[in-house]
Amino acid sequence: MPDTFPPAVTPPYSQPFSVIDQTEDWLAIHKPAGIGMHSEDGEAGLVVLAEQQFACPLWPVHRLDKVTSGIILLAKNATAAARLSALFAEHKIQKYYLAQSAQKPKKKQGWVKGDMSKGRNGSWLLQRSSHNPAITRFISHYDEQQQKRLFLLKPLTGRTHQLRVALKSLGAAIDGDDRYGGEPADRTYLHAFMLCFRDEVSGADPQDIVLTCLPQHGDWATLPDNWLTPWQLL
């Protein structure tokens, strides 16, 4: 195992990643908005930058869009990578996101369900059919002082741009999401807020893991206190 990981490309982000939690098998860090998961066009991606910072090989077991901030879970070895990847694939890891919109939604809570198809220039469309639907459950809270609506989202599937398309379909595109018609903002207001799962390591007692990461950048509406236990709401 190499002791150092010299940069092969120019990093777009120079600040150290903050650690949310870690074990011998995995590392959970905060991903800022604007960083891609993988290196592209001469810019280092999150995995390369994290390997440089923590001086060890790391395996991504899920992903976030470049515009999305929040929790990223990285495995520290191939065995853990296979175990955690399987948990994500089998939907055994509960994911909760925060989003914000200045637009008024068609409904304040409920479900968004529908097939997704490719649109133009990398965008996706939500269809009325439900042959293999993307499914998102959500509630929302309106902050009257800031005149913004905060959404708590739980995706039950994991499609590309699923949450961004879901909110656009509600008439409440995410602030800063130029691709899907959000109001202008200093960032795209979508944040991976919480991961909940049971980690069953061979030879050890299973552990119930709850990883929480509040937004670190941006002008967010106030988070309701009961959203800190989102499994009681969604």
Protein backbone atom coordinates (compact mmCIF):
# COMPACT_ATOMS: atom_id res chain seq x y z
CA MET A 1 0.00 0.00 0.00
CA PRO A 2 1.53 3.38 -0.95
CA ASP A 3 2.18 5.89 1.82
CA THR A 4 1.16 8.92 -0.24
CA PHE A 5 -1.11 9.64 -3.17
CA PRO A 6 0.41 12.42 -5.29
CA PRO A 7 -2.14 14.46 -7.20
CA ALA A 8 -2.48 13.48 -10.84
CA VAL A 9 -4.83 16.34 -11.67
CA THR A 10 -5.60 19.77 -10.30
CA PRO A 11 -8.09 19.65 -7.39
CA PRO A 12 -11.02 22.09 -7.64
CA TYR A 13 -11.41 22.12 -3.87
CA SER A 14 -8.56 22.86 -1.47
CA GLN A 15 -10.25 22.60 1.95
CA PRO A 16 -10.04 19.33 3.91
CA PHE A 17 -13.15 17.17 3.93
CA SER A 18 -14.84 17.07 7.33
CA VAL A 19 -15.29 13.60 8.81
CA ILE A 20 -18.80 12.65 9.94
CA ASP A 21 -17.88 9.22 11.30
CA GLN A 22 -15.62 6.27 10.52
CA THR A 23 -14.84 2.67 11.42
CA GLU A 24 -12.09 0.27 10.39
CA ASP A 25 -14.17 -0.51 7.28
CA TRP A 26 -15.63 2.80 6.13
CA LEU A 27 -15.32 6.57 6.20
CA ALA A 28 -18.24 9.03 6.03
CA ILE A 29 -17.33 12.57 4.94
CA HIS A 30 -19.12 15.78 3.96
CA LYS A 31 -19.13 16.40 0.21
CA PRO A 32 -19.39 20.09 -0.70
CA ALA A 33 -21.54 21.10 -3.65
CA GLY A 34 -19.62 21.51 -6.88
CA ILE A 35 -17.31 18.49 -6.63
CA GLY A 36 -17.80 15.50 -8.90
CA MET A 37 -17.32 11.99 -7.61
CA HIS A 38 -14.66 11.13 -10.17
CA SER A 39 -11.87 13.04 -11.91
CA GLU A 40 -12.96 14.78 -15.08
CA ASP A 41 -11.50 17.29 -17.55
CA GLY A 42 -8.26 17.66 -15.58
CA GLU A 43 -9.97 18.21 -12.22
CA ALA A 44 -9.62 15.76 -9.35
CA GLY A 45 -12.82 14.13 -8.17
CA LEU A 46 -13.91 13.51 -4.62
CA VAL A 47 -12.50 9.97 -4.41
CA VAL A 48 -9.01 11.08 -5.53
CA LEU A 49 -9.04 14.08 -3.19
CA ALA A 50 -10.18 11.97 -0.25
CA GLU A 51 -7.48 9.37 -0.91
CA GLN A 52 -4.91 12.15 -0.90
CA GLN A 53 -6.23 13.67 2.33
CA PHE A 54 -6.56 10.42 4.27
CA ALA A 55 -3.55 8.68 2.64
CA CYS A 56 -5.30 5.39 1.94
CA PRO A 57 -7.20 3.70 -0.89
CA LEU A 58 -10.96 4.34 -0.80
CA TRP A 59 -13.88 2.72 -2.62
CA PRO A 60 -17.07 4.69 -3.47
CA VAL A 61 -20.20 2.64 -2.66
CA HIS A 62 -22.79 5.20 -3.81
CA ARG A 63 -22.74 8.60 -5.48
CA LEU A 64 -24.10 12.13 -5.34
CA ASP A 65 -24.61 14.56 -8.22
CA LYS A 66 -21.91 17.18 -8.59
CA VAL A 67 -24.32 19.92 -7.47
CA THR A 68 -25.40 18.00 -4.34
CA SER A 69 -23.71 18.34 -0.96
CA GLY A 70 -23.85 16.03 2.05
CA ILE A 71 -22.90 12.56 3.25
CA ILE A 72 -20.68 10.33 1.16
CA LEU A 73 -19.80 6.87 2.43
CA LEU A 74 -16.46 5.44 1.27
CA ALA A 75 -15.20 1.92 1.96
CA LYS A 76 -11.65 1.38 3.24
CA ASN A 77 -11.24 -2.10 1.75
CA ALA A 78 -12.68 -4.23 -1.03
CA THR A 79 -14.63 -6.50 1.33
CA ALA A 80 -16.40 -3.56 2.95
CA ALA A 81 -17.02 -2.04 -0.48
CA ALA A 82 -18.84 -5.19 -1.62
CA ARG A 83 -20.90 -5.34 1.60
CA LEU A 84 -21.93 -1.69 1.57
CA SER A 85 -22.58 -1.63 -2.17
CA ALA A 86 -24.95 -4.58 -1.72
CA LEU A 87 -26.82 -2.73 1.04
CA PHE A 88 -27.35 0.24 -1.27
CA ALA A 89 -28.36 -2.00 -4.18
CA GLU A 90 -30.87 -3.86 -2.01
CA HIS A 91 -32.30 -0.57 -0.63
CA LYS A 92 -31.29 -1.52 2.92
CA ILE A 93 -29.73 1.89 3.54
CA GLN A 94 -32.34 4.56 4.24
CA LYS A 95 -31.46 7.88 2.60
CA TYR A 96 -32.88 11.27 3.56
CA TYR A 97 -32.26 14.53 1.71
CA LEU A 98 -33.03 18.20 2.23
CA ALA A 99 -34.01 20.50 -0.61
CA GLN A 100 -35.21 24.08 -0.79
CA SER A 101 -37.41 25.91 -3.25
CA ALA A 102 -38.84 29.41 -3.51
CA GLN A 103 -41.59 28.04 -5.78
CA LYS A 104 -44.96 26.83 -4.51
CA PRO A 105 -45.46 23.07 -4.88
CA LYS A 106 -48.62 21.45 -6.22
CA LYS A 107 -48.86 19.52 -2.96
CA LYS A 108 -47.08 19.87 0.38
CA GLN A 109 -46.46 16.20 1.11
CA GLY A 110 -46.97 12.77 -0.37
CA TRP A 111 -45.40 10.71 -3.12
CA VAL A 112 -43.86 11.30 -6.53
CA LYS A 113 -43.96 8.18 -8.70
CA GLY A 114 -43.30 7.63 -12.37
CA ASP A 115 -40.97 6.22 -14.98
CA MET A 116 -37.99 8.38 -15.92
CA SER A 117 -36.68 8.84 -19.45
CA LYS A 118 -33.75 10.71 -20.93
CA GLY A 119 -34.43 14.18 -22.21
CA ARG A 120 -32.11 16.59 -23.98
CA ASN A 121 -28.57 17.53 -22.99
CA GLY A 122 -28.34 15.17 -20.03
CA SER A 123 -31.69 16.07 -18.45
CA TRP A 124 -34.31 13.55 -17.36
CA LEU A 125 -38.10 13.56 -17.62
CA LEU A 126 -40.76 12.11 -15.33
CA GLN A 127 -43.39 10.12 -17.19
CA ARG A 128 -47.00 9.33 -16.24
CA SER A 129 -46.37 5.61 -16.72
CA SER A 130 -45.25 3.37 -13.86
CA HIS A 131 -43.68 0.29 -15.45
CA ASN A 132 -40.44 0.69 -13.46
CA PRO A 133 -41.05 3.90 -11.54
CA ALA A 134 -38.79 6.19 -9.58
CA ILE A 135 -40.42 6.61 -6.18
CA THR A 136 -39.88 9.48 -3.74
CA ARG A 137 -41.72 10.21 -0.51
CA PHE A 138 -41.62 13.75 0.89
CA ILE A 139 -42.92 16.30 3.36
CA SER A 140 -42.34 20.04 3.37
CA HIS A 141 -42.21 23.00 5.73
CA TYR A 142 -42.73 26.65 4.81
CA ASP A 143 -40.51 29.19 6.56
CA GLU A 144 -42.67 32.33 6.56
CA GLN A 145 -39.85 34.60 7.68
CA GLN A 146 -37.53 33.58 4.85
CA GLN A 147 -40.40 32.83 2.43
CA LYS A 148 -38.82 29.56 1.41
CA ARG A 149 -40.07 26.00 1.49
CA LEU A 150 -37.86 23.24 2.83
CA PHE A 151 -38.39 19.66 1.67
CA LEU A 152 -37.48 16.44 3.47
CA LEU A 153 -37.16 13.71 0.84
CA LYS A 154 -36.79 9.95 1.08
CA PRO A 155 -36.00 8.28 -2.26
CA LEU A 156 -37.11 4.65 -2.36
CA THR A 157 -35.29 4.13 -5.66
CA GLY A 158 -31.98 5.53 -6.86
CA ARG A 159 -32.35 7.01 -10.34
CA THR A 160 -30.18 9.70 -11.89
CA HIS A 161 -31.49 13.19 -10.99
CA GLN A 162 -34.48 11.56 -9.28
CA LEU A 163 -35.03 14.16 -6.57
CA ARG A 164 -34.36 17.11 -8.86
CA VAL A 165 -36.91 15.81 -11.38
CA ALA A 166 -39.41 14.95 -8.63
CA LEU A 167 -39.45 18.51 -7.29
CA LYS A 168 -39.64 19.98 -10.78
CA SER A 169 -42.71 17.79 -11.37
CA LEU A 170 -44.28 19.32 -8.25
CA GLY A 171 -43.77 22.82 -9.64
CA ALA A 172 -41.09 23.52 -7.01
CA ALA A 173 -37.76 23.16 -8.77
CA ILE A 174 -34.81 23.27 -6.39
CA ASP A 175 -33.27 26.71 -5.84
CA GLY A 176 -30.10 27.09 -7.89
CA ASP A 177 -30.89 24.10 -10.13
CA ASP A 178 -30.50 25.76 -13.51
CA ARG A 179 -31.03 22.50 -15.40
CA TYR A 180 -34.55 22.03 -14.05
CA GLY A 181 -35.75 25.61 -13.74
CA GLY A 182 -34.91 26.50 -10.14
CA GLU A 183 -34.74 30.09 -8.92
CA PRO A 184 -31.25 31.68 -9.16
CA ALA A 185 -29.17 30.99 -6.03
CA ASP A 186 -25.57 30.75 -4.85
CA ARG A 187 -25.69 26.93 -5.03
CA THR A 188 -28.08 24.09 -5.83
CA TYR A 189 -30.04 23.58 -2.60
CA LEU A 190 -30.00 19.78 -2.45
CA HIS A 191 -28.24 18.08 0.45
CA ALA A 192 -27.75 14.44 1.49
CA PHE A 193 -28.84 14.80 5.10
CA MET A 194 -28.89 11.33 6.68
CA LEU A 195 -28.04 7.66 6.12
CA CYS A 196 -29.46 4.90 8.34
CA PHE A 197 -28.44 1.24 8.08
CA ARG A 198 -27.49 -1.91 9.98
CA ASP A 199 -23.82 -2.76 9.48
CA GLU A 200 -23.26 -6.49 9.89
CA VAL A 201 -19.53 -7.18 9.93
CA SER A 202 -18.49 -10.84 9.98
CA GLY A 203 -17.51 -11.92 13.49
CA ALA A 204 -18.90 -8.80 15.17
CA ASP A 205 -22.24 -7.74 16.62
CA PRO A 206 -24.46 -5.87 14.13
CA GLN A 207 -24.49 -2.11 14.64
CA ASP A 208 -27.33 0.27 13.80
CA ILE A 209 -25.69 3.28 12.16
CA VAL A 210 -27.24 6.75 11.85
CA LEU A 211 -25.09 9.29 10.00
CA THR A 212 -26.29 12.89 10.10
CA CYS A 213 -24.86 15.89 8.29
CA LEU A 214 -26.52 19.31 8.41
CA PRO A 215 -25.86 21.68 5.50
CA GLN A 216 -22.60 23.56 5.94
CA HIS A 217 -22.90 26.13 3.15
CA GLY A 218 -25.74 28.27 1.86
CA ASP A 219 -28.72 30.28 3.09
CA TRP A 220 -31.04 27.49 4.22
CA ALA A 221 -34.44 27.85 5.87
CA THR A 222 -34.65 26.74 9.51
CA LEU A 223 -34.81 22.97 9.96
CA PRO A 224 -37.83 21.80 12.04
CA ASP A 225 -36.69 19.97 15.18
CA ASN A 226 -38.67 16.82 14.42
CA TRP A 227 -36.86 16.40 11.10
CA LEU A 228 -33.83 15.18 13.06
CA THR A 229 -35.66 11.84 13.36
CA PRO A 230 -36.99 11.55 9.80
CA TRP A 231 -37.83 7.84 10.05
CA GLN A 232 -40.73 8.89 12.28
CA LEU A 233 -42.11 11.09 9.51
CA LEU A 234 -41.42 9.24 6.25
